[in-house]
Amino acid sequence: MIFDLDGTLVASGSDIASSVNHTLQSLGLPVIEERIILRYIGDGIRKLIERSLGPAMQGRLDEAVDTFSKHYREHMLDSTVLYPGVPEALRHFQGKNKVILTNKRHVFARAISDGLGITSFFDEILGADSTPHIKPDARLVYPLLERFSASAERTVMIGDGINDILLARNSGILSCSFLEGLTDRTILTQMNPDLCFGHFQELPLLFT
C-alpha cells in the first residue's frame, strides 16, 4: 500500500499556504487566497513557489524557495493534522507493507509523520529528493514492487492528487483516490480511478 501524504494522510493545506504567503510578503508581493494556492500543490516545493510567484518574478525563484523552506520548517505542524480515521485504518492494515510516497521533501515528510505519530506504521518514507524521480514517474514504483516481492495487481497508490492516479496508471498498479483532500473530487472522478473513498473508515472495506 503506497500512500500520498499531503491531502491524503494529513490535512496540511493551511500550513503550506501560510508559508507561501509569508514568502510572497517577504518579497513585497500580495498574498494569494488559500484556495488558489491549494491548486498549486502536488509537484514539489519548487513548482509550488514557481506557480505562486507568477512569470514576472521567476528571477527570484531560488530566494523564494529558500524563504519558504525556512518558514515551513518551523511552521509545518501549526495546524496540520491527520484526517479522521487515519490511525485506525493504518492499524487495520498493520500486516501490510506500507510506504509513504510524496513529492514533498523527505525531511519535511518525515518531520510531519514523526510529529503526528504515524512513522512506525510505514516501512519507508520516500520524498521528492529520495530518488531521482518524482510522481508520476513509474520508476518510483518498480523498485518497491521488487523490494517487497509485490505484484502490480496487489499494489495500490492511495492519494488525493492527479499525479497519484497517473503514477498508478503509468506503473500498472491500482489507483485509489481520496475524495476529501486537496484536489477537487470532480477532477479526480473524471480521471476514473480504479477505486475511490471519502473517509478512511471506508478503506478497510475496499481491501483485504
C-alpha atoms as a PDB file:
ATOM      1  CA  MET A   1       0.000   0.000   0.000  1.00  0.00           C
ATOM      2  CA  ILE A   2       1.530   3.268  -1.169  1.00  0.00           C
ATOM      3  CA  PHE A   3       0.156   6.432   0.412  1.00  0.00           C
ATOM      4  CA  ASP A   4       0.446  10.050  -0.616  1.00  0.00           C
ATOM      5  CA  LEU A   5       0.956  12.452   2.301  1.00  0.00           C
ATOM      6  CA  ASP A   6      -0.433  15.978   1.799  1.00  0.00           C
ATOM      7  CA  GLY A   7      -4.178  15.901   1.291  1.00  0.00           C
ATOM      8  CA  THR A   8      -4.318  12.140   1.883  1.00  0.00           C
ATOM      9  CA  LEU A   9      -2.965  11.189   5.277  1.00  0.00           C
ATOM     10  CA  VAL A  10      -2.644  14.758   6.555  1.00  0.00           C
ATOM     11  CA  ALA A  11      -4.694  17.928   6.165  1.00  0.00           C
ATOM     12  CA  SER A  12      -1.751  20.239   5.575  1.00  0.00           C
ATOM     13  CA  GLY A  13      -3.023  22.790   3.091  1.00  0.00           C
ATOM     14  CA  SER A  14      -3.349  25.715   5.514  1.00  0.00           C
ATOM     15  CA  ASP A  15       0.229  25.468   6.771  1.00  0.00           C
ATOM     16  CA  ILE A  16       1.570  25.216   3.226  1.00  0.00           C
ATOM     17  CA  ALA A  17      -0.499  28.214   2.138  1.00  0.00           C
ATOM     18  CA  SER A  18       0.657  30.235   5.157  1.00  0.00           C
ATOM     19  CA  SER A  19       4.305  29.624   4.280  1.00  0.00           C
ATOM     20  CA  VAL A  20       3.664  30.543   0.642  1.00  0.00           C
ATOM     21  CA  ASN A  21       2.045  33.812   1.665  1.00  0.00           C
ATOM     22  CA  HIS A  22       4.851  34.562   4.130  1.00  0.00           C
ATOM     23  CA  THR A  23       7.245  34.091   1.216  1.00  0.00           C
ATOM     24  CA  LEU A  24       5.268  36.400  -1.058  1.00  0.00           C
ATOM     25  CA  GLN A  25       5.080  39.089   1.616  1.00  0.00           C
ATOM     26  CA  SER A  26       8.830  38.864   2.215  1.00  0.00           C
ATOM     27  CA  LEU A  27       9.306  39.668  -1.482  1.00  0.00           C
ATOM     28  CA  GLY A  28       6.879  42.577  -1.342  1.00  0.00           C
ATOM     29  CA  LEU A  29       4.200  40.706  -3.273  1.00  0.00           C
ATOM     30  CA  PRO A  30       0.490  40.484  -2.465  1.00  0.00           C
ATOM     31  CA  VAL A  31      -0.779  37.349  -0.749  1.00  0.00           C
ATOM     32  CA  ILE A  32      -2.880  34.766  -2.603  1.00  0.00           C
ATOM     33  CA  GLU A  33      -6.106  33.140  -1.466  1.00  0.00           C
ATOM     34  CA  GLU A  34      -5.557  29.747   0.138  1.00  0.00           C
ATOM     35  CA  ARG A  35      -7.928  28.008  -2.283  1.00  0.00           C
ATOM     36  CA  ILE A  36      -5.727  29.145  -5.177  1.00  0.00           C
ATOM     37  CA  ILE A  37      -2.503  28.025  -3.515  1.00  0.00           C
ATOM     38  CA  LEU A  38      -4.001  24.586  -2.897  1.00  0.00           C
ATOM     39  CA  ARG A  39      -4.335  24.136  -6.653  1.00  0.00           C
ATOM     40  CA  TYR A  40      -0.576  24.617  -6.995  1.00  0.00           C
ATOM     41  CA  ILE A  41       0.323  21.744  -4.635  1.00  0.00           C
ATOM     42  CA  GLY A  42       1.383  18.326  -5.893  1.00  0.00           C
ATOM     43  CA  ASP A  43       4.554  18.759  -7.925  1.00  0.00           C
ATOM     44  CA  GLY A  44       7.016  19.669  -5.204  1.00  0.00           C
ATOM     45  CA  ILE A  45       8.095  22.885  -3.485  1.00  0.00           C
ATOM     46  CA  ARG A  46       9.853  24.450  -6.452  1.00  0.00           C
ATOM     47  CA  LYS A  47       6.799  24.138  -8.704  1.00  0.00           C
ATOM     48  CA  LEU A  48       4.558  25.378  -5.887  1.00  0.00           C
ATOM     49  CA  ILE A  49       6.626  28.541  -5.462  1.00  0.00           C
ATOM     50  CA  GLU A  50       7.098  28.999  -9.201  1.00  0.00           C
ATOM     51  CA  ARG A  51       3.333  28.980  -9.712  1.00  0.00           C
ATOM     52  CA  SER A  52       2.733  31.258  -6.735  1.00  0.00           C
ATOM     53  CA  LEU A  53       5.273  33.862  -7.866  1.00  0.00           C
ATOM     54  CA  GLY A  54       3.929  34.214 -11.386  1.00  0.00           C
ATOM     55  CA  PRO A  55       6.009  34.790 -14.531  1.00  0.00           C
ATOM     56  CA  ALA A  56       7.266  38.279 -13.639  1.00  0.00           C
ATOM     57  CA  MET A  57       9.133  37.133 -10.502  1.00  0.00           C
ATOM     58  CA  GLN A  58      10.845  33.956 -11.676  1.00  0.00           C
ATOM     59  CA  GLY A  59      14.244  35.616 -11.307  1.00  0.00           C
ATOM     60  CA  ARG A  60      13.801  35.417  -7.541  1.00  0.00           C
ATOM     61  CA  LEU A  61      12.670  31.795  -7.507  1.00  0.00           C
ATOM     62  CA  ASP A  62      15.698  30.410  -5.666  1.00  0.00           C
ATOM     63  CA  GLU A  63      15.401  33.097  -2.978  1.00  0.00           C
ATOM     64  CA  ALA A  64      11.692  32.404  -2.638  1.00  0.00           C
ATOM     65  CA  VAL A  65      12.182  28.633  -2.328  1.00  0.00           C
ATOM     66  CA  ASP A  66      14.750  29.200   0.405  1.00  0.00           C
ATOM     67  CA  THR A  67      12.442  31.605   2.279  1.00  0.00           C
ATOM     68  CA  PHE A  68       9.537  29.176   2.024  1.00  0.00           C
ATOM     69  CA  SER A  69      11.627  26.240   3.220  1.00  0.00           C
ATOM     70  CA  LYS A  70      12.906  28.074   6.297  1.00  0.00           C
ATOM     71  CA  HIS A  71       9.435  29.254   7.282  1.00  0.00           C
ATOM     72  CA  TYR A  72       7.740  25.923   6.569  1.00  0.00           C
ATOM     73  CA  ARG A  73      10.337  24.017   8.583  1.00  0.00           C
ATOM     74  CA  GLU A  74       9.248  25.985  11.663  1.00  0.00           C
ATOM     75  CA  HIS A  75       5.508  26.071  10.970  1.00  0.00           C
ATOM     76  CA  MET A  76       4.636  22.809   9.169  1.00  0.00           C
ATOM     77  CA  LEU A  77       2.743  21.481  12.183  1.00  0.00           C
ATOM     78  CA  ASP A  78       0.962  24.669  13.263  1.00  0.00           C
ATOM     79  CA  SER A  79      -2.411  23.388  12.088  1.00  0.00           C
ATOM     80  CA  THR A  80      -1.620  20.201  10.142  1.00  0.00           C
ATOM     81  CA  VAL A  81      -3.480  17.155  11.478  1.00  0.00           C
ATOM     82  CA  LEU A  82      -4.271  13.612  10.416  1.00  0.00           C
ATOM     83  CA  TYR A  83      -7.517  13.148   8.544  1.00  0.00           C
ATOM     84  CA  PRO A  84     -10.216  11.451  10.643  1.00  0.00           C
ATOM     85  CA  GLY A  85      -9.840   7.684  10.717  1.00  0.00           C
ATOM     86  CA  VAL A  86      -6.222   7.570   9.521  1.00  0.00           C
ATOM     87  CA  PRO A  87      -4.714   5.938  12.642  1.00  0.00           C
ATOM     88  CA  GLU A  88      -7.472   3.347  12.758  1.00  0.00           C
ATOM     89  CA  ALA A  89      -7.046   2.493   9.069  1.00  0.00           C
ATOM     90  CA  LEU A  90      -3.277   2.183   9.416  1.00  0.00           C
ATOM     91  CA  ARG A  91      -3.701  -0.104  12.419  1.00  0.00           C
ATOM     92  CA  HIS A  92      -6.182  -2.208  10.451  1.00  0.00           C
ATOM     93  CA  PHE A  93      -3.562  -2.715   7.735  1.00  0.00           C
ATOM     94  CA  GLN A  94      -0.751  -3.349  10.225  1.00  0.00           C
ATOM     95  CA  GLY A  95       0.177  -6.573   8.444  1.00  0.00           C
ATOM     96  CA  LYS A  96       0.521  -4.962   5.011  1.00  0.00           C
ATOM     97  CA  ASN A  97       3.675  -3.363   3.643  1.00  0.00           C
ATOM     98  CA  LYS A  98       3.079   0.380   3.562  1.00  0.00           C
ATOM     99  CA  VAL A  99       5.092   3.237   2.100  1.00  0.00           C
ATOM    100  CA  ILE A 100       4.593   6.996   2.066  1.00  0.00           C
ATOM    101  CA  LEU A 101       5.405   8.372  -1.377  1.00  0.00           C
ATOM    102  CA  THR A 102       5.251  12.148  -1.673  1.00  0.00           C
ATOM    103  CA  ASN A 103       6.579  14.935  -3.864  1.00  0.00           C
ATOM    104  CA  LYS A 104       7.334  16.794  -0.626  1.00  0.00           C
ATOM    105  CA  ARG A 105      10.972  16.836   0.505  1.00  0.00           C
ATOM    106  CA  HIS A 106      11.852  13.872   2.681  1.00  0.00           C
ATOM    107  CA  VAL A 107      12.915  15.969   5.671  1.00  0.00           C
ATOM    108  CA  PHE A 108       9.503  17.645   5.789  1.00  0.00           C
ATOM    109  CA  ALA A 109       7.579  14.424   5.190  1.00  0.00           C
ATOM    110  CA  ARG A 110       9.464  12.641   7.962  1.00  0.00           C
ATOM    111  CA  ALA A 111       9.029  15.549  10.382  1.00  0.00           C
ATOM    112  CA  ILE A 112       5.271  15.540   9.801  1.00  0.00           C
ATOM    113  CA  SER A 113       4.908  11.770  10.119  1.00  0.00           C
ATOM    114  CA  ASP A 114       7.017  11.828  13.302  1.00  0.00           C
ATOM    115  CA  GLY A 115       5.113  14.789  14.713  1.00  0.00           C
ATOM    116  CA  LEU A 116       1.750  13.158  14.101  1.00  0.00           C
ATOM    117  CA  GLY A 117       2.858   9.746  15.326  1.00  0.00           C
ATOM    118  CA  ILE A 118       2.436   7.622  12.205  1.00  0.00           C
ATOM    119  CA  THR A 119       6.035   6.856  11.161  1.00  0.00           C
ATOM    120  CA  SER A 120       6.020   3.431  12.809  1.00  0.00           C
ATOM    121  CA  PHE A 121       3.200   2.257  10.531  1.00  0.00           C
ATOM    122  CA  PHE A 122       5.389   2.546   7.433  1.00  0.00           C
ATOM    123  CA  ASP A 123       8.253   0.519   6.007  1.00  0.00           C
ATOM    124  CA  GLU A 124       9.644   3.557   4.209  1.00  0.00           C
ATOM    125  CA  ILE A 125       9.043   7.238   3.530  1.00  0.00           C
ATOM    126  CA  LEU A 126      10.092   8.478   0.106  1.00  0.00           C
ATOM    127  CA  GLY A 127      10.214  12.192  -0.642  1.00  0.00           C
ATOM    128  CA  ALA A 128      10.926  14.257  -3.731  1.00  0.00           C
ATOM    129  CA  ASP A 129      14.664  14.150  -3.008  1.00  0.00           C
ATOM    130  CA  SER A 130      14.829  10.468  -2.020  1.00  0.00           C
ATOM    131  CA  THR A 131      15.269   9.270  -5.605  1.00  0.00           C
ATOM    132  CA  PRO A 132      15.978  10.917  -8.978  1.00  0.00           C
ATOM    133  CA  HIS A 133      12.273  10.618  -9.820  1.00  0.00           C
ATOM    134  CA  ILE A 134       9.035  12.188  -8.629  1.00  0.00           C
ATOM    135  CA  LYS A 135       5.392  11.289  -9.178  1.00  0.00           C
ATOM    136  CA  PRO A 136       4.007  10.323 -11.649  1.00  0.00           C
ATOM    137  CA  ASP A 137       7.210   8.602 -12.834  1.00  0.00           C
ATOM    138  CA  ALA A 138       6.672   4.835 -12.798  1.00  0.00           C
ATOM    139  CA  ARG A 139      10.321   4.295 -11.884  1.00  0.00           C
ATOM    140  CA  LEU A 140       9.325   5.145  -8.310  1.00  0.00           C
ATOM    141  CA  VAL A 141       7.124   2.076  -8.109  1.00  0.00           C
ATOM    142  CA  TYR A 142       9.179  -0.659  -9.755  1.00  0.00           C
ATOM    143  CA  PRO A 143      11.856  -0.825  -7.006  1.00  0.00           C
ATOM    144  CA  LEU A 144       9.109  -1.045  -4.378  1.00  0.00           C
ATOM    145  CA  LEU A 145       7.468  -3.962  -6.154  1.00  0.00           C
ATOM    146  CA  GLU A 146      10.820  -5.720  -6.262  1.00  0.00           C
ATOM    147  CA  ARG A 147      11.753  -4.908  -2.676  1.00  0.00           C
ATOM    148  CA  PHE A 148       8.503  -6.222  -1.219  1.00  0.00           C
ATOM    149  CA  SER A 149       8.037  -9.040  -3.767  1.00  0.00           C
ATOM    150  CA  ALA A 150       4.674  -7.494  -4.596  1.00  0.00           C
ATOM    151  CA  SER A 151       2.660  -7.938  -7.764  1.00  0.00           C
ATOM    152  CA  ALA A 152       1.303  -4.860  -9.503  1.00  0.00           C
ATOM    153  CA  GLU A 153      -2.278  -6.124  -9.258  1.00  0.00           C
ATOM    154  CA  ARG A 154      -1.912  -6.404  -5.453  1.00  0.00           C
ATOM    155  CA  THR A 155      -0.359  -2.948  -5.024  1.00  0.00           C
ATOM    156  CA  VAL A 156      -2.301   0.297  -4.704  1.00  0.00           C
ATOM    157  CA  MET A 157      -1.485   4.011  -4.815  1.00  0.00           C
ATOM    158  CA  ILE A 158      -3.771   5.853  -2.399  1.00  0.00           C
ATOM    159  CA  GLY A 159      -3.836   9.607  -2.866  1.00  0.00           C
ATOM    160  CA  ASP A 160      -5.832  12.744  -3.411  1.00  0.00           C
ATOM    161  CA  GLY A 161      -3.999  14.044  -6.471  1.00  0.00           C
ATOM    162  CA  ILE A 162      -3.875  13.771 -10.232  1.00  0.00           C
ATOM    163  CA  ASN A 163      -0.270  12.587 -10.024  1.00  0.00           C
ATOM    164  CA  ASP A 164      -1.314   9.695  -7.795  1.00  0.00           C
ATOM    165  CA  ILE A 165      -3.728   8.383 -10.413  1.00  0.00           C
ATOM    166  CA  LEU A 166      -1.191   8.927 -13.187  1.00  0.00           C
ATOM    167  CA  LEU A 167       1.535   7.150 -11.227  1.00  0.00           C
ATOM    168  CA  ALA A 168      -0.705   4.131 -10.733  1.00  0.00           C
ATOM    169  CA  ARG A 169      -1.667   4.131 -14.390  1.00  0.00           C
ATOM    170  CA  ASN A 170       1.932   4.520 -15.556  1.00  0.00           C
ATOM    171  CA  SER A 171       3.195   1.660 -13.390  1.00  0.00           C
ATOM    172  CA  GLY A 172       0.291  -0.757 -13.741  1.00  0.00           C
ATOM    173  CA  ILE A 173      -0.803  -0.720 -10.104  1.00  0.00           C
ATOM    174  CA  LEU A 174      -4.248   0.134  -8.726  1.00  0.00           C
ATOM    175  CA  SER A 175      -5.302   3.729  -8.130  1.00  0.00           C
ATOM    176  CA  CYS A 176      -7.453   4.671  -5.145  1.00  0.00           C
ATOM    177  CA  SER A 177      -8.485   8.313  -4.817  1.00  0.00           C
ATOM    178  CA  PHE A 178      -9.243  10.062  -1.532  1.00  0.00           C
ATOM    179  CA  LEU A 179     -12.013  12.494  -2.485  1.00  0.00           C
ATOM    180  CA  GLU A 180     -11.825  14.830   0.530  1.00  0.00           C
ATOM    181  CA  GLY A 181      -8.242  16.003   0.100  1.00  0.00           C
ATOM    182  CA  LEU A 182      -6.706  18.990  -1.692  1.00  0.00           C
ATOM    183  CA  THR A 183      -7.892  18.159  -5.216  1.00  0.00           C
ATOM    184  CA  ASP A 184     -11.478  18.775  -6.268  1.00  0.00           C
ATOM    185  CA  ARG A 185     -13.349  15.468  -6.265  1.00  0.00           C
ATOM    186  CA  THR A 186     -14.872  16.184  -9.679  1.00  0.00           C
ATOM    187  CA  ILE A 187     -11.406  16.364 -11.228  1.00  0.00           C
ATOM    188  CA  LEU A 188     -10.458  13.054  -9.642  1.00  0.00           C
ATOM    189  CA  THR A 189     -13.611  11.160 -10.560  1.00  0.00           C
ATOM    190  CA  GLN A 190     -13.355  12.367 -14.154  1.00  0.00           C
ATOM    191  CA  MET A 191      -9.967  10.615 -14.306  1.00  0.00           C
ATOM    192  CA  ASN A 192     -11.670   7.304 -13.476  1.00  0.00           C
ATOM    193  CA  PRO A 193      -9.502   5.929 -10.680  1.00  0.00           C
ATOM    194  CA  ASP A 194      -9.913   2.221 -10.018  1.00  0.00           C
ATOM    195  CA  LEU A 195     -11.358   2.936  -6.565  1.00  0.00           C
ATOM    196  CA  CYS A 196     -12.278   5.968  -4.500  1.00  0.00           C
ATOM    197  CA  PHE A 197     -13.361   6.799  -0.970  1.00  0.00           C
ATOM    198  CA  GLY A 198     -14.408   9.796   1.086  1.00  0.00           C
ATOM    199  CA  HIS A 199     -13.496   8.723   4.620  1.00  0.00           C
ATOM    200  CA  PHE A 200     -10.765   6.492   5.978  1.00  0.00           C
ATOM    201  CA  GLN A 201     -13.371   4.316   7.666  1.00  0.00           C
ATOM    202  CA  GLU A 202     -14.187   3.073   4.159  1.00  0.00           C
ATOM    203  CA  LEU A 203     -10.657   1.961   3.302  1.00  0.00           C
ATOM    204  CA  PRO A 204     -10.732  -1.403   5.143  1.00  0.00           C
ATOM    205  CA  LEU A 205     -13.858  -2.260   3.167  1.00  0.00           C
ATOM    206  CA  LEU A 206     -12.018  -1.792  -0.131  1.00  0.00           C
ATOM    207  CA  PHE A 207      -9.007  -4.020   0.520  1.00  0.00           C
ATOM    208  CA  THR A 208      -8.319  -7.340   2.188  1.00  0.00           C
END
